[in-house]
Amino acid sequence: MKANEVSKRTKLPISTLRFYERKKLIPEQFISRDENNYRVYDEEVVEYLQDIKMLLTLGFTIEELLLLIKESSHVEKKALVMDKIFYIQQLEAKLEASKTFLTDVLEGKANFQTRCGLKH
């Protein structure tokens, strides 16, 4: 499939696809050339790019993704993923504490008082 089809299916601009190619974030196995030397992407690249988008959303940097793709050690890759899991767990705890606090504000149980609470 051509770049414009990949772009439509992944909701990534073509410029982002080119950037990922330059950074070697898209492995060569997903890209070939047709008789006119246009890029042709393998069907599997769509799911691969969806995973890349998710990993970026989870806080991975391009450099970290390259470490996961390239031939770094299993130990390094595992440590990197475990660090992200720990980061997400910390974020979940902060979000839960924030939700509890805001519920307390609404219920008038917080030291911070406002008229948005359920009790008037």
PDB file of N, CA and C in Angstrom:
ATOM      1  N   MET A   1       0.851  -1.169   0.000  1.00  0.00           N
ATOM      2  CA  MET A   1       0.000   0.000   0.000  1.00  0.00           C
ATOM      3  C   MET A   1       0.899   1.235   0.000  1.00  0.00           C
ATOM      4  N   LYS A   2       0.395   2.283  -0.596  1.00  0.00           N
ATOM      5  CA  LYS A   2       1.157   3.534  -0.707  1.00  0.00           C
ATOM      6  C   LYS A   2       1.082   4.327   0.600  1.00  0.00           C
ATOM      7  N   ALA A   3       1.947   5.330   0.698  1.00  0.00           N
ATOM      8  CA  ALA A   3       2.040   6.141   1.911  1.00  0.00           C
ATOM      9  C   ALA A   3       0.720   6.816   2.251  1.00  0.00           C
ATOM     10  N   ASN A   4      -0.011   7.295   1.241  1.00  0.00           N
ATOM     11  CA  ASN A   4      -1.266   7.990   1.551  1.00  0.00           C
ATOM     12  C   ASN A   4      -2.288   7.037   2.188  1.00  0.00           C
ATOM     13  N   GLU A   5      -2.286   5.771   1.796  1.00  0.00           N
ATOM     14  CA  GLU A   5      -3.192   4.796   2.402  1.00  0.00           C
ATOM     15  C   GLU A   5      -2.772   4.507   3.846  1.00  0.00           C
ATOM     16  N   VAL A   6      -1.469   4.359   4.076  1.00  0.00           N
ATOM     17  CA  VAL A   6      -0.971   4.146   5.436  1.00  0.00           C
ATOM     18  C   VAL A   6      -1.333   5.349   6.299  1.00  0.00           C
ATOM     19  N   SER A   7      -1.161   6.535   5.751  1.00  0.00           N
ATOM     20  CA  SER A   7      -1.485   7.765   6.466  1.00  0.00           C
ATOM     21  C   SER A   7      -2.957   7.797   6.865  1.00  0.00           C
ATOM     22  N   LYS A   8      -3.836   7.455   5.938  1.00  0.00           N
ATOM     23  CA  LYS A   8      -5.273   7.449   6.235  1.00  0.00           C
ATOM     24  C   LYS A   8      -5.615   6.422   7.307  1.00  0.00           C
ATOM     25  N   ARG A   9      -5.040   5.238   7.195  1.00  0.00           N
ATOM     26  CA  ARG A   9      -5.402   4.155   8.112  1.00  0.00           C
ATOM     27  C   ARG A   9      -4.822   4.338   9.506  1.00  0.00           C
ATOM     28  N   THR A  10      -3.682   5.013   9.597  1.00  0.00           N
ATOM     29  CA  THR A  10      -3.050   5.203  10.908  1.00  0.00           C
ATOM     30  C   THR A  10      -3.325   6.581  11.497  1.00  0.00           C
ATOM     31  N   LYS A  11      -3.886   7.472  10.666  1.00  0.00           N
ATOM     32  CA  LYS A  11      -4.102   8.866  11.060  1.00  0.00           C
ATOM     33  C   LYS A  11      -2.791   9.567  11.412  1.00  0.00           C
ATOM     34  N   LEU A  12      -1.726   9.160  10.711  1.00  0.00           N
ATOM     35  CA  LEU A  12      -0.428   9.813  10.835  1.00  0.00           C
ATOM     36  C   LEU A  12      -0.155  10.566   9.536  1.00  0.00           C
ATOM     37  N   PRO A  13       0.303  11.806   9.638  1.00  0.00           N
ATOM     38  CA  PRO A  13       0.648  12.535   8.414  1.00  0.00           C
ATOM     39  C   PRO A  13       1.783  11.819   7.659  1.00  0.00           C
ATOM     40  N   ILE A  14       1.803  11.990   6.365  1.00  0.00           N
ATOM     41  CA  ILE A  14       2.872  11.390   5.561  1.00  0.00           C
ATOM     42  C   ILE A  14       4.227  11.901   6.026  1.00  0.00           C
ATOM     43  N   SER A  15       4.294  13.159   6.445  1.00  0.00           N
ATOM     44  CA  SER A  15       5.566  13.705   6.941  1.00  0.00           C
ATOM     45  C   SER A  15       6.056  12.928   8.169  1.00  0.00           C
ATOM     46  N   THR A  16       5.133  12.452   8.992  1.00  0.00           N
ATOM     47  CA  THR A  16       5.513  11.646  10.158  1.00  0.00           C
ATOM     48  C   THR A  16       6.028  10.289   9.711  1.00  0.00           C
ATOM     49  N   LEU A  17       5.385   9.705   8.725  1.00  0.00           N
ATOM     50  CA  LEU A  17       5.883   8.435   8.184  1.00  0.00           C
ATOM     51  C   LEU A  17       7.307   8.592   7.674  1.00  0.00           C
ATOM     52  N   ARG A  18       7.567   9.666   6.947  1.00  0.00           N
ATOM     53  CA  ARG A  18       8.925   9.917   6.419  1.00  0.00           C
ATOM     54  C   ARG A  18       9.920  10.124   7.571  1.00  0.00           C
ATOM     55  N   PHE A  19       9.485  10.871   8.589  1.00  0.00           N
ATOM     56  CA  PHE A  19      10.339  11.087   9.767  1.00  0.00           C
ATOM     57  C   PHE A  19      10.685   9.755  10.419  1.00  0.00           C
ATOM     58  N   TYR A  20       9.673   8.896  10.616  1.00  0.00           N
ATOM     59  CA  TYR A  20       9.916   7.584  11.213  1.00  0.00           C
ATOM     60  C   TYR A  20      10.870   6.760  10.357  1.00  0.00           C
ATOM     61  N   GLU A  21      10.737   6.872   9.051  1.00  0.00           N
ATOM     62  CA  GLU A  21      11.647   6.151   8.157  1.00  0.00           C
ATOM     63  C   GLU A  21      13.084   6.651   8.322  1.00  0.00           C
ATOM     64  N   ARG A  22      13.245   7.981   8.328  1.00  0.00           N
ATOM     65  CA  ARG A  22      14.593   8.550   8.479  1.00  0.00           C
ATOM     66  C   ARG A  22      15.231   8.126   9.796  1.00  0.00           C
ATOM     67  N   LYS A  23      14.409   8.044  10.847  1.00  0.00           N
ATOM     68  CA  LYS A  23      14.923   7.655  12.167  1.00  0.00           C
ATOM     69  C   LYS A  23      15.108   6.138  12.288  1.00  0.00           C
ATOM     70  N   LYS A  24      14.720   5.397  11.253  1.00  0.00           N
ATOM     71  CA  LYS A  24      14.787   3.921  11.249  1.00  0.00           C
ATOM     72  C   LYS A  24      13.825   3.319  12.263  1.00  0.00           C
ATOM     73  N   LEU A  25      12.735   4.030  12.518  1.00  0.00           N
ATOM     74  CA  LEU A  25      11.713   3.554  13.445  1.00  0.00           C
ATOM     75  C   LEU A  25      10.785   2.545  12.765  1.00  0.00           C
ATOM     76  N   ILE A  26      10.689   2.629  11.450  1.00  0.00           N
ATOM     77  CA  ILE A  26       9.936   1.636  10.686  1.00  0.00           C
ATOM     78  C   ILE A  26      10.956   0.675  10.084  1.00  0.00           C
ATOM     79  N   PRO A  27      10.968  -0.568  10.538  1.00  0.00           N
ATOM     80  CA  PRO A  27      11.939  -1.530  10.004  1.00  0.00           C
ATOM     81  C   PRO A  27      11.781  -1.724   8.495  1.00  0.00           C
ATOM     82  N   GLU A  28      12.890  -1.987   7.847  1.00  0.00           N
ATOM     83  CA  GLU A  28      12.906  -2.157   6.396  1.00  0.00           C
ATOM     84  C   GLU A  28      11.987  -3.275   5.931  1.00  0.00           C
ATOM     85  N   GLN A  29      11.712  -4.235   6.790  1.00  0.00           N
ATOM     86  CA  GLN A  29      10.843  -5.355   6.403  1.00  0.00           C
ATOM     87  C   GLN A  29       9.440  -4.890   6.010  1.00  0.00           C
ATOM     88  N   PHE A  30       9.042  -3.696   6.457  1.00  0.00           N
ATOM     89  CA  PHE A  30       7.713  -3.177   6.152  1.00  0.00           C
ATOM     90  C   PHE A  30       7.667  -2.322   4.893  1.00  0.00           C
ATOM     91  N   ILE A  31       8.822  -2.030   4.287  1.00  0.00           N
ATOM     92  CA  ILE A  31       8.868  -1.110   3.158  1.00  0.00           C
ATOM     93  C   ILE A  31       9.620  -1.756   1.994  1.00  0.00           C
ATOM     94  N   SER A  32       9.020  -1.654   0.826  1.00  0.00           N
ATOM     95  CA  SER A  32       9.708  -2.073  -0.394  1.00  0.00           C
ATOM     96  C   SER A  32       9.496  -0.975  -1.433  1.00  0.00           C
ATOM     97  N   ARG A  33       9.981  -1.205  -2.631  1.00  0.00           N
ATOM     98  CA  ARG A  33       9.820  -0.229  -3.715  1.00  0.00           C
ATOM     99  C   ARG A  33       9.142  -0.907  -4.905  1.00  0.00           C
ATOM    100  N   ASP A  34       8.256  -0.162  -5.562  1.00  0.00           N
ATOM    101  CA  ASP A  34       7.629  -0.716  -6.761  1.00  0.00           C
ATOM    102  C   ASP A  34       8.493  -0.403  -7.983  1.00  0.00           C
ATOM    103  N   GLU A  35       7.997  -0.738  -9.179  1.00  0.00           N
ATOM    104  CA  GLU A  35       8.771  -0.551 -10.414  1.00  0.00           C
ATOM    105  C   GLU A  35       9.067   0.910 -10.698  1.00  0.00           C
ATOM    106  N   ASN A  36       8.287   1.826 -10.123  1.00  0.00           N
ATOM    107  CA  ASN A  36       8.529   3.269 -10.293  1.00  0.00           C
ATOM    108  C   ASN A  36       9.319   3.860  -9.132  1.00  0.00           C
ATOM    109  N   ASN A  37       9.820   3.004  -8.268  1.00  0.00           N
ATOM    110  CA  ASN A  37      10.626   3.383  -7.102  1.00  0.00           C
ATOM    111  C   ASN A  37       9.813   4.093  -6.022  1.00  0.00           C
ATOM    112  N   TYR A  38       8.484   3.922  -6.055  1.00  0.00           N
ATOM    113  CA  TYR A  38       7.641   4.453  -4.982  1.00  0.00           C
ATOM    114  C   TYR A  38       7.655   3.483  -3.807  1.00  0.00           C
ATOM    115  N   ARG A  39       7.541   4.035  -2.617  1.00  0.00           N
ATOM    116  CA  ARG A  39       7.468   3.179  -1.433  1.00  0.00           C
ATOM    117  C   ARG A  39       6.171   2.383  -1.449  1.00  0.00           C
ATOM    118  N   VAL A  40       6.293   1.134  -1.069  1.00  0.00           N
ATOM    119  CA  VAL A  40       5.130   0.275  -0.900  1.00  0.00           C
ATOM    120  C   VAL A  40       5.252  -0.323   0.490  1.00  0.00           C
ATOM    121  N   TYR A  41       4.229  -0.103   1.291  1.00  0.00           N
ATOM    122  CA  TYR A  41       4.244  -0.573   2.673  1.00  0.00           C
ATOM    123  C   TYR A  41       3.509  -1.898   2.783  1.00  0.00           C
ATOM    124  N   ASP A  42       4.047  -2.771   3.584  1.00  0.00           N
ATOM    125  CA  ASP A  42       3.398  -4.032   3.892  1.00  0.00           C
ATOM    126  C   ASP A  42       2.146  -3.750   4.711  1.00  0.00           C
ATOM    127  N   GLU A  43       1.147  -4.581   4.568  1.00  0.00           N
ATOM    128  CA  GLU A  43      -0.122  -4.432   5.293  1.00  0.00           C
ATOM    129  C   GLU A  43       0.094  -4.389   6.811  1.00  0.00           C
ATOM    130  N   GLU A  44       1.067  -5.137   7.296  1.00  0.00           N
ATOM    131  CA  GLU A  44       1.328  -5.233   8.739  1.00  0.00           C
ATOM    132  C   GLU A  44       1.844  -3.939   9.348  1.00  0.00           C
ATOM    133  N   VAL A  45       2.300  -2.998   8.509  1.00  0.00           N
ATOM    134  CA  VAL A  45       2.843  -1.749   9.035  1.00  0.00           C
ATOM    135  C   VAL A  45       1.782  -0.954   9.785  1.00  0.00           C
ATOM    136  N   VAL A  46       0.508  -1.119   9.422  1.00  0.00           N
ATOM    137  CA  VAL A  46      -0.565  -0.356  10.075  1.00  0.00           C
ATOM    138  C   VAL A  46      -0.632  -0.717  11.557  1.00  0.00           C
ATOM    139  N   GLU A  47      -0.687  -1.986  11.866  1.00  0.00           N
ATOM    140  CA  GLU A  47      -0.730  -2.402  13.283  1.00  0.00           C
ATOM    141  C   GLU A  47       0.559  -2.019  13.998  1.00  0.00           C
ATOM    142  N   TYR A  48       1.677  -2.163  13.312  1.00  0.00           N
ATOM    143  CA  TYR A  48       2.965  -1.776  13.897  1.00  0.00           C
ATOM    144  C   TYR A  48       2.961  -0.290  14.267  1.00  0.00           C
ATOM    145  N   LEU A  49       2.480   0.550  13.362  1.00  0.00           N
ATOM    146  CA  LEU A  49       2.442   1.994  13.631  1.00  0.00           C
ATOM    147  C   LEU A  49       1.436   2.345  14.718  1.00  0.00           C
ATOM    148  N   GLN A  50       0.350   1.594  14.818  1.00  0.00           N
ATOM    149  CA  GLN A  50      -0.593   1.806  15.926  1.00  0.00           C
ATOM    150  C   GLN A  50       0.118   1.528  17.252  1.00  0.00           C
ATOM    151  N   ASP A  51       0.941   0.483  17.283  1.00  0.00           N
ATOM    152  CA  ASP A  51       1.713   0.189  18.498  1.00  0.00           C
ATOM    153  C   ASP A  51       2.705   1.310  18.800  1.00  0.00           C
ATOM    154  N   ILE A  52       3.363   1.824  17.770  1.00  0.00           N
ATOM    155  CA  ILE A  52       4.309   2.934  17.953  1.00  0.00           C
ATOM    156  C   ILE A  52       3.571   4.147  18.536  1.00  0.00           C
ATOM    157  N   LYS A  53       2.398   4.453  18.002  1.00  0.00           N
ATOM    158  CA  LYS A  53       1.612   5.573  18.526  1.00  0.00           C
ATOM    159  C   LYS A  53       1.284   5.361  20.005  1.00  0.00           C
ATOM    160  N   MET A  54       0.890   4.141  20.362  1.00  0.00           N
ATOM    161  CA  MET A  54       0.573   3.846  21.764  1.00  0.00           C
ATOM    162  C   MET A  54       1.806   4.008  22.638  1.00  0.00           C
ATOM    163  N   LEU A  55       2.938   3.484  22.191  1.00  0.00           N
ATOM    164  CA  LEU A  55       4.164   3.591  22.982  1.00  0.00           C
ATOM    165  C   LEU A  55       4.561   5.059  23.176  1.00  0.00           C
ATOM    166  N   LEU A  56       4.396   5.868  22.156  1.00  0.00           N
ATOM    167  CA  LEU A  56       4.696   7.295  22.294  1.00  0.00           C
ATOM    168  C   LEU A  56       3.740   7.952  23.287  1.00  0.00           C
ATOM    169  N   THR A  57       2.473   7.559  23.237  1.00  0.00           N
ATOM    170  CA  THR A  57       1.484   8.081  24.183  1.00  0.00           C
ATOM    171  C   THR A  57       1.843   7.710  25.615  1.00  0.00           C
ATOM    172  N   LEU A  58       2.444   6.538  25.778  1.00  0.00           N
ATOM    173  CA  LEU A  58       2.825   6.070  27.109  1.00  0.00           C
ATOM    174  C   LEU A  58       4.110   6.713  27.626  1.00  0.00           C
ATOM    175  N   GLY A  59       4.691   7.593  26.832  1.00  0.00           N
ATOM    176  CA  GLY A  59       5.850   8.331  27.305  1.00  0.00           C
ATOM    177  C   GLY A  59       7.190   7.857  26.775  1.00  0.00           C
ATOM    178  N   PHE A  60       7.189   6.882  25.885  1.00  0.00           N
ATOM    179  CA  PHE A  60       8.452   6.464  25.292  1.00  0.00           C
ATOM    180  C   PHE A  60       8.936   7.542  24.348  1.00  0.00           C
ATOM    181  N   THR A  61      10.242   7.742  24.321  1.00  0.00           N
ATOM    182  CA  THR A  61      10.837   8.669  23.366  1.00  0.00           C
ATOM    183  C   THR A  61      11.214   7.888  22.106  1.00  0.00           C
ATOM    184  N   ILE A  62      11.494   8.611  21.044  1.00  0.00           N
ATOM    185  CA  ILE A  62      11.948   7.971  19.804  1.00  0.00           C
ATOM    186  C   ILE A  62      13.221   7.164  20.084  1.00  0.00           C
ATOM    187  N   GLU A  63      14.122   7.733  20.865  1.00  0.00           N
ATOM    188  CA  GLU A  63      15.374   7.042  21.176  1.00  0.00           C
ATOM    189  C   GLU A  63      15.115   5.740  21.940  1.00  0.00           C
ATOM    190  N   GLU A  64      14.164   5.778  22.871  1.00  0.00           N
ATOM    191  CA  GLU A  64      13.825   4.562  23.619  1.00  0.00           C
ATOM    192  C   GLU A  64      13.195   3.518  22.704  1.00  0.00           C
ATOM    193  N   LEU A  65      12.349   3.965  21.781  1.00  0.00           N
ATOM    194  CA  LEU A  65      11.748   3.021  20.843  1.00  0.00           C
ATOM    195  C   LEU A  65      12.813   2.378  19.965  1.00  0.00           C
ATOM    196  N   LEU A  66      13.795   3.164  19.569  1.00  0.00           N
ATOM    197  CA  LEU A  66      14.882   2.604  18.768  1.00  0.00           C
ATOM    198  C   LEU A  66      15.657   1.544  19.547  1.00  0.00           C
ATOM    199  N   LEU A  67      15.817   1.765  20.856  1.00  0.00           N
ATOM    200  CA  LEU A  67      16.465   0.740  21.682  1.00  0.00           C
ATOM    201  C   LEU A  67      15.649  -0.553  21.707  1.00  0.00           C
ATOM    202  N   LEU A  68      14.326  -0.409  21.746  1.00  0.00           N
ATOM    203  CA  LEU A  68      13.464  -1.588  21.752  1.00  0.00           C
ATOM    204  C   LEU A  68      13.493  -2.324  20.410  1.00  0.00           C
ATOM    205  N   ILE A  69      13.644  -1.578  19.324  1.00  0.00           N
ATOM    206  CA  ILE A  69      13.642  -2.167  17.994  1.00  0.00           C
ATOM    207  C   ILE A  69      14.990  -2.805  17.669  1.00  0.00           C
ATOM    208  N   LYS A  70      16.050  -2.106  18.016  1.00  0.00           N
ATOM    209  CA  LYS A  70      17.385  -2.556  17.625  1.00  0.00           C
ATOM    210  C   LYS A  70      17.868  -3.700  18.501  1.00  0.00           C
ATOM    211  N   GLU A  71      19.032  -4.114  18.203  1.00  0.00           N
ATOM    212  CA  GLU A  71      19.618  -5.272  18.870  1.00  0.00           C
ATOM    213  C   GLU A  71      20.235  -4.932  20.224  1.00  0.00           C
ATOM    214  N   SER A  72      19.505  -4.274  21.084  1.00  0.00           N
ATOM    215  CA  SER A  72      19.997  -4.079  22.451  1.00  0.00           C
ATOM    216  C   SER A  72      19.683  -5.337  23.242  1.00  0.00           C
ATOM    217  N   SER A  73      20.275  -5.421  24.405  1.00  0.00           N
ATOM    218  CA  SER A  73      20.119  -6.647  25.191  1.00  0.00           C
ATOM    219  C   SER A  73      18.699  -6.793  25.734  1.00  0.00           C
ATOM    220  N   HIS A  74      18.338  -8.019  25.957  1.00  0.00           N
ATOM    221  CA  HIS A  74      17.032  -8.345  26.544  1.00  0.00           C
ATOM    222  C   HIS A  74      16.874  -7.647  27.890  1.00  0.00           C
ATOM    223  N   VAL A  75      17.949  -7.591  28.661  1.00  0.00           N
ATOM    224  CA  VAL A  75      17.920  -6.967  29.987  1.00  0.00           C
ATOM    225  C   VAL A  75      17.626  -5.471  29.856  1.00  0.00           C
ATOM    226  N   GLU A  76      18.267  -4.808  28.901  1.00  0.00           N
ATOM    227  CA  GLU A  76      18.027  -3.372  28.692  1.00  0.00           C
ATOM    228  C   GLU A  76      16.583  -3.105  28.274  1.00  0.00           C
ATOM    229  N   LYS A  77      16.087  -3.917  27.355  1.00  0.00           N
ATOM    230  CA  LYS A  77      14.719  -3.746  26.880  1.00  0.00           C
ATOM    231  C   LYS A  77      13.718  -3.961  28.009  1.00  0.00           C
ATOM    232  N   LYS A  78      13.934  -5.006  28.783  1.00  0.00           N
ATOM    233  CA  LYS A  78      13.031  -5.306  29.890  1.00  0.00           C
ATOM    234  C   LYS A  78      13.051  -4.177  30.919  1.00  0.00           C
ATOM    235  N   ALA A  79      14.235  -3.665  31.236  1.00  0.00           N
ATOM    236  CA  ALA A  79      14.358  -2.574  32.209  1.00  0.00           C
ATOM    237  C   ALA A  79      13.616  -1.328  31.720  1.00  0.00           C
ATOM    238  N   LEU A  80      13.731  -1.049  30.444  1.00  0.00           N
ATOM    239  CA  LEU A  80      13.062   0.119  29.875  1.00  0.00           C
ATOM    240  C   LEU A  80      11.544  -0.015  29.990  1.00  0.00           C
ATOM    241  N   VAL A  81      11.013  -1.175  29.651  1.00  0.00           N
ATOM    242  CA  VAL A  81       9.570  -1.400  29.734  1.00  0.00           C
ATOM    243  C   VAL A  81       9.116  -1.391  31.195  1.00  0.00           C
ATOM    244  N   MET A  82       9.888  -2.002  32.077  1.00  0.00           N
ATOM    245  CA  MET A  82       9.533  -2.014  33.499  1.00  0.00           C
ATOM    246  C   MET A  82       9.523  -0.599  34.071  1.00  0.00           C
ATOM    247  N   ASP A  83      10.454   0.245  33.639  1.00  0.00           N
ATOM    248  CA  ASP A  83      10.466   1.644  34.080  1.00  0.00           C
ATOM    249  C   ASP A  83       9.174   2.358  33.678  1.00  0.00           C
ATOM    250  N   LYS A  84       8.692   2.089  32.460  1.00  0.00           N
ATOM    251  CA  LYS A  84       7.449   2.718  32.005  1.00  0.00           C
ATOM    252  C   LYS A  84       6.255   2.198  32.801  1.00  0.00           C
ATOM    253  N   ILE A  85       6.253   0.909  33.117  1.00  0.00           N
ATOM    254  CA  ILE A  85       5.172   0.353  33.932  1.00  0.00           C
ATOM    255  C   ILE A  85       5.170   1.023  35.303  1.00  0.00           C
ATOM    256  N   PHE A  86       6.348   1.204  35.900  1.00  0.00           N
ATOM    257  CA  PHE A  86       6.449   1.871  37.197  1.00  0.00           C
ATOM    258  C   PHE A  86       5.957   3.316  37.099  1.00  0.00           C
ATOM    259  N   TYR A  87       6.333   3.998  36.032  1.00  0.00           N
ATOM    260  CA  TYR A  87       5.883   5.374  35.809  1.00  0.00           C
ATOM    261  C   TYR A  87       4.350   5.429  35.734  1.00  0.00           C
ATOM    262  N   ILE A  88       3.749   4.506  35.002  1.00  0.00           N
ATOM    263  CA  ILE A  88       2.289   4.470  34.862  1.00  0.00           C
ATOM    264  C   ILE A  88       1.633   4.176  36.207  1.00  0.00           C
ATOM    265  N   GLN A  89       2.229   3.283  36.986  1.00  0.00           N
ATOM    266  CA  GLN A  89       1.678   2.984  38.316  1.00  0.00           C
ATOM    267  C   GLN A  89       1.710   4.227  39.198  1.00  0.00           C
ATOM    268  N   GLN A  90       2.790   4.983  39.139  1.00  0.00           N
ATOM    269  CA  GLN A  90       2.872   6.229  39.907  1.00  0.00           C
ATOM    270  C   GLN A  90       1.814   7.225  39.426  1.00  0.00           C
ATOM    271  N   LEU A  91       1.646   7.315  38.128  1.00  0.00           N
ATOM    272  CA  LEU A  91       0.652   8.214  37.557  1.00  0.00           C
ATOM    273  C   LEU A  91      -0.758   7.801  37.978  1.00  0.00           C
ATOM    274  N   GLU A  92      -1.032   6.501  37.983  1.00  0.00           N
ATOM    275  CA  GLU A  92      -2.333   6.007  38.422  1.00  0.00           C
ATOM    276  C   GLU A  92      -2.600   6.399  39.875  1.00  0.00           C
ATOM    277  N   ALA A  93      -1.582   6.282  40.724  1.00  0.00           N
ATOM    278  CA  ALA A  93      -1.746   6.644  42.136  1.00  0.00           C
ATOM    279  C   ALA A  93      -2.047   8.141  42.275  1.00  0.00           C
ATOM    280  N   LYS A  94      -1.340   8.962  41.500  1.00  0.00           N
ATOM    281  CA  LYS A  94      -1.584  10.408  41.537  1.00  0.00           C
ATOM    282  C   LYS A  94      -2.994  10.739  41.049  1.00  0.00           C
ATOM    283  N   LEU A  95      -3.413  10.076  39.994  1.00  0.00           N
ATOM    284  CA  LEU A  95      -4.756  10.314  39.469  1.00  0.00           C
ATOM    285  C   LEU A  95      -5.833   9.885  40.459  1.00  0.00           C
ATOM    286  N   GLU A  96      -5.628   8.758  41.114  1.00  0.00           N
ATOM    287  CA  GLU A  96      -6.596   8.280  42.105  1.00  0.00           C
ATOM    288  C   GLU A  96      -6.672   9.256  43.277  1.00  0.00           C
ATOM    289  N   ALA A  97      -5.505   9.753  43.739  1.00  0.00           N
ATOM    290  CA  ALA A  97      -5.491  10.726  44.824  1.00  0.00           C
ATOM    291  C   ALA A  97      -6.192  12.018  44.394  1.00  0.00           C
ATOM    292  N   SER A  98      -5.977  12.431  43.163  1.00  0.00           N
ATOM    293  CA  SER A  98      -6.623  13.636  42.641  1.00  0.00           C
ATOM    294  C   SER A  98      -8.137  13.459  42.585  1.00  0.00           C
ATOM    295  N   LYS A  99      -8.578  12.303  42.141  1.00  0.00           N
ATOM    296  CA  LYS A  99     -10.012  12.021  42.054  1.00  0.00           C
ATOM    297  C   LYS A  99     -10.637  12.030  43.446  1.00  0.00           C
ATOM    298  N   THR A 100      -9.958  11.431  44.400  1.00  0.00           N
ATOM    299  CA  THR A 100     -10.460  11.417  45.776  1.00  0.00           C
ATOM    300  C   THR A 100     -10.565  12.835  46.327  1.00  0.00           C
ATOM    301  N   PHE A 101      -9.539  13.637  46.090  1.00  0.00           N
ATOM    302  CA  PHE A 101      -9.552  15.018  46.560  1.00  0.00           C
ATOM    303  C   PHE A 101     -10.713  15.798  45.949  1.00  0.00           C
ATOM    304  N   LEU A 102     -10.894  15.678  44.646  1.00  0.00           N
ATOM    305  CA  LEU A 102     -11.971  16.424  43.978  1.00  0.00           C
ATOM    306  C   LEU A 102     -13.347  15.961  44.444  1.00  0.00           C
ATOM    307  N   THR A 103     -13.478  14.682  44.721  1.00  0.00           N
ATOM    308  CA  THR A 103     -14.739  14.182  45.284  1.00  0.00           C
ATOM    309  C   THR A 103     -14.973  14.800  46.652  1.00  0.00           C
ATOM    310  N   ASP A 104     -13.915  14.902  47.453  1.00  0.00           N
ATOM    311  CA  ASP A 104     -14.019  15.547  48.761  1.00  0.00           C
ATOM    312  C   ASP A 104     -14.415  17.021  48.618  1.00  0.00           C
ATOM    313  N   VAL A 105     -13.876  17.694  47.616  1.00  0.00           N
ATOM    314  CA  VAL A 105     -14.246  19.092  47.364  1.00  0.00           C
ATOM    315  C   VAL A 105     -15.737  19.173  47.064  1.00  0.00           C
ATOM    316  N   LEU A 106     -16.207  18.302  46.175  1.00  0.00           N
ATOM    317  CA  LEU A 106     -17.632  18.307  45.825  1.00  0.00           C
ATOM    318  C   LEU A 106     -18.520  18.029  47.028  1.00  0.00           C
ATOM    319  N   GLU A 107     -18.059  17.158  47.908  1.00  0.00           N
ATOM    320  CA  GLU A 107     -18.853  16.765  49.069  1.00  0.00           C
ATOM    321  C   GLU A 107     -18.638  17.674  50.273  1.00  0.00           C
ATOM    322  N   GLY A 108     -17.812  18.709  50.107  1.00  0.00           N
ATOM    323  CA  GLY A 108     -17.566  19.650  51.195  1.00  0.00           C
ATOM    324  C   GLY A 108     -16.694  19.084  52.299  1.00  0.00           C
ATOM    325  N   LYS A 109     -15.950  18.035  52.028  1.00  0.00           N
ATOM    326  CA  LYS A 109     -15.095  17.399  53.033  1.00  0.00           C
ATOM    327  C   LYS A 109     -13.650  17.901  52.981  1.00  0.00           C
ATOM    328  N   ALA A 110     -13.297  18.649  51.958  1.00  0.00           N
ATOM    329  CA  ALA A 110     -11.923  19.130  51.814  1.00  0.00           C
ATOM    330  C   ALA A 110     -11.735  20.439  52.568  1.00  0.00           C
ATOM    331  N   ASN A 111     -10.502  20.725  52.932  1.00  0.00           N
ATOM    332  CA  ASN A 111     -10.200  22.013  53.550  1.00  0.00           C
ATOM    333  C   ASN A 111     -10.488  23.147  52.579  1.00  0.00           C
ATOM    334  N   PHE A 112     -10.275  22.887  51.311  1.00  0.00           N
ATOM    335  CA  PHE A 112     -10.593  23.857  50.276  1.00  0.00           C
ATOM    336  C   PHE A 112     -12.099  23.858  50.087  1.00  0.00           C
ATOM    337  N   GLN A 113     -12.712  24.989  50.298  1.00  0.00           N
ATOM    338  CA  GLN A 113     -14.175  25.076  50.187  1.00  0.00           C
ATOM    339  C   GLN A 113     -14.549  25.902  48.982  1.00  0.00           C
ATOM    340  N   THR A 114     -15.564  25.475  48.315  1.00  0.00           N
ATOM    341  CA  THR A 114     -16.073  26.186  47.158  1.00  0.00           C
ATOM    342  C   THR A 114     -17.576  25.938  47.050  1.00  0.00           C
ATOM    343  N   ARG A 115     -18.245  26.726  46.308  1.00  0.00           N
ATOM    344  CA  ARG A 115     -19.689  26.583  46.164  1.00  0.00           C
ATOM    345  C   ARG A 115     -20.065  25.589  45.064  1.00  0.00           C
ATOM    346  N   CYS A 116     -19.110  24.869  44.542  1.00  0.00           N
ATOM    347  CA  CYS A 116     -19.461  23.875  43.510  1.00  0.00           C
ATOM    348  C   CYS A 116     -19.868  22.553  44.145  1.00  0.00           C
ATOM    349  N   GLY A 117     -19.753  22.448  45.454  1.00  0.00           N
ATOM    350  CA  GLY A 117     -20.028  21.213  46.128  1.00  0.00           C
ATOM    351  C   GLY A 117     -21.495  20.825  46.104  1.00  0.00           C
ATOM    352  N   LEU A 118     -21.746  19.588  46.456  1.00  0.00           N
ATOM    353  CA  LEU A 118     -23.114  19.059  46.484  1.00  0.00           C
ATOM    354  C   LEU A 118     -23.904  19.637  47.654  1.00  0.00           C
ATOM    355  N   LYS A 119     -23.195  19.955  48.758  1.00  0.00           N
ATOM    356  CA  LYS A 119     -23.866  20.549  49.924  1.00  0.00           C
ATOM    357  C   LYS A 119     -23.901  22.060  49.746  1.00  0.00           C
ATOM    358  N   HIS A 120     -25.037  22.650  49.961  1.00  0.00           N
ATOM    359  CA  HIS A 120     -25.171  24.119  49.819  1.00  0.00           C
ATOM    360  C   HIS A 120     -25.461  24.746  51.139  1.00  0.00           C
TER     361      HIS A 120
END
